[in-house]
Amino acid sequence: MKKNKKLIKVAEEPYSRPVPIEFSHRNATKISIVGTFNNWRPGATPMVSLGDGRWFTALMLKPGNYEYQLVVDGEWMLDPRARETLSNPFAFGQRNSVLKVDGVAANGILCEKPSHESE
């Protein structure tokens, strides 16, 4: 029996996709995420409290590498769940967390999870 094979055209342009960000901090009253994706503006991307010290937001990001930090009650800090950090070129001795967002493979299948997520 002969099988029909159909070719599916895959968009060449990288597209934005939701990237979930979770963080835990029992005593925090306000948390936001800042980084290269929002021009480091603390008020641009607030996180939502889910209760019991858990916080959440979803970023719409295109494939690429992004540097970021969390702002917890006004204090900038690294994400303890980040798998990678880079030297902060504007603050001697400090570092930024790195978020890697994979894109679409040539076959149109979405590749790996963002690198900060736990396995």
Protein backbone atom coordinates (compact mmCIF):
# COMPACT_ATOMS: atom_id res chain seq x y z
CA MET A 1 0.00 0.00 0.00
CA LYS A 2 1.33 3.40 -0.98
CA LYS A 3 1.36 6.09 1.69
CA ASN A 4 0.65 9.72 0.87
CA LYS A 5 3.28 12.07 2.21
CA LYS A 6 2.33 15.70 2.65
CA LEU A 7 4.88 18.42 3.15
CA ILE A 8 4.06 21.05 5.72
CA LYS A 9 5.55 24.48 5.21
CA VAL A 10 7.09 25.78 8.42
CA ALA A 11 7.37 29.49 9.11
CA GLU A 12 10.93 30.69 8.69
CA GLU A 13 10.59 33.54 11.20
CA PRO A 14 11.14 32.78 14.88
CA TYR A 15 7.97 33.37 16.82
CA SER A 16 7.25 34.39 20.38
CA ARG A 17 6.05 31.73 22.76
CA PRO A 18 4.99 31.77 26.40
CA VAL A 19 7.82 31.02 28.81
CA PRO A 20 6.65 30.32 32.38
CA ILE A 21 8.74 31.78 35.21
CA GLU A 22 8.24 30.57 38.77
CA PHE A 23 9.92 31.73 41.96
CA SER A 24 9.47 31.05 45.66
CA HIS A 25 9.97 33.58 48.44
CA ARG A 26 7.86 33.26 51.58
CA ASN A 27 8.24 36.83 52.87
CA ALA A 28 8.03 38.81 49.63
CA THR A 29 5.21 41.29 49.11
CA LYS A 30 6.13 42.33 45.55
CA ILE A 31 8.23 40.59 42.91
CA SER A 32 8.97 41.50 39.31
CA ILE A 33 11.34 40.18 36.68
CA VAL A 34 13.66 42.51 34.76
CA GLY A 35 15.99 41.84 31.89
CA THR A 36 17.01 42.34 28.32
CA PHE A 37 13.43 41.46 27.25
CA ASN A 38 11.90 44.52 29.01
CA ASN A 39 14.81 46.99 29.08
CA TRP A 40 15.48 46.27 32.75
CA ARG A 41 12.35 48.13 33.92
CA PRO A 42 11.29 46.86 37.38
CA GLY A 43 7.60 47.75 36.95
CA ALA A 44 7.23 46.30 33.45
CA THR A 45 6.77 42.62 34.35
CA PRO A 46 5.30 42.00 37.80
CA MET A 47 4.89 38.45 39.06
CA VAL A 48 1.62 37.21 40.53
CA SER A 49 1.45 35.67 43.99
CA LEU A 50 -0.04 32.16 43.95
CA GLY A 51 0.01 31.94 47.75
CA ASP A 52 2.32 30.03 50.08
CA GLY A 53 5.30 32.11 48.88
CA ARG A 54 4.97 31.00 45.23
CA TRP A 55 5.14 33.59 42.44
CA PHE A 56 4.48 33.25 38.70
CA THR A 57 4.54 35.09 35.38
CA ALA A 58 4.71 34.09 31.72
CA LEU A 59 6.93 35.97 29.28
CA MET A 60 6.27 36.03 25.52
CA LEU A 61 9.76 35.57 24.08
CA LYS A 62 11.31 34.74 20.73
CA PRO A 63 14.08 32.14 20.63
CA GLY A 64 17.34 33.47 22.00
CA ASN A 65 19.33 34.12 25.15
CA TYR A 66 18.12 36.67 27.69
CA GLU A 67 19.81 38.09 30.78
CA TYR A 68 17.59 38.85 33.76
CA GLN A 69 17.23 39.35 37.50
CA LEU A 70 14.38 39.20 39.98
CA VAL A 71 13.39 42.28 41.97
CA VAL A 72 12.10 41.17 45.37
CA ASP A 73 10.67 44.02 47.43
CA GLY A 74 13.07 46.42 45.68
CA GLU A 75 16.18 44.21 45.99
CA TRP A 76 17.70 42.91 42.75
CA MET A 77 18.81 39.27 42.90
CA LEU A 78 19.78 36.27 40.78
CA ASP A 79 17.25 33.55 40.09
CA PRO A 80 18.43 30.57 42.18
CA ARG A 81 16.86 28.21 39.61
CA ALA A 82 18.89 29.61 36.68
CA ARG A 83 21.29 27.09 35.20
CA GLU A 84 23.66 29.77 33.98
CA THR A 85 24.81 33.27 34.93
CA LEU A 86 26.91 35.87 33.13
CA SER A 87 29.04 38.73 34.37
CA ASN A 88 27.07 41.99 34.50
CA PRO A 89 29.04 44.46 32.35
CA PHE A 90 27.52 47.46 34.16
CA ALA A 91 28.07 46.34 37.76
CA PHE A 92 31.58 45.15 38.58
CA GLY A 93 31.57 41.81 40.37
CA GLN A 94 27.85 41.19 39.89
CA ARG A 95 26.12 38.64 37.66
CA ASN A 96 22.87 38.21 35.73
CA SER A 97 20.80 35.05 35.38
CA VAL A 98 20.51 33.64 31.85
CA LEU A 99 17.32 32.34 30.24
CA LYS A 100 17.73 30.34 27.01
CA VAL A 101 14.63 30.01 24.86
CA ASP A 102 14.86 27.42 22.12
CA GLY A 103 13.00 27.82 18.86
CA VAL A 104 11.50 25.69 16.17
CA ALA A 105 13.55 22.93 14.61
CA ALA A 106 13.66 22.52 10.84
CA ASN A 107 10.91 19.91 11.06
CA GLY A 108 8.57 22.38 12.81
CA ILE A 109 8.71 20.68 16.20
CA LEU A 110 9.23 22.87 19.23
CA CYS A 111 12.61 22.16 20.81
CA GLU A 112 13.51 21.87 24.49
CA LYS A 113 12.08 23.67 27.50
CA PRO A 114 13.60 26.98 28.64
CA SER A 115 16.84 26.25 30.46
CA HIS A 116 15.77 27.63 33.85
CA GLU A 117 12.96 25.08 34.31
CA SER A 118 13.56 22.11 36.54
CA GLU A 119 13.56 18.71 34.92
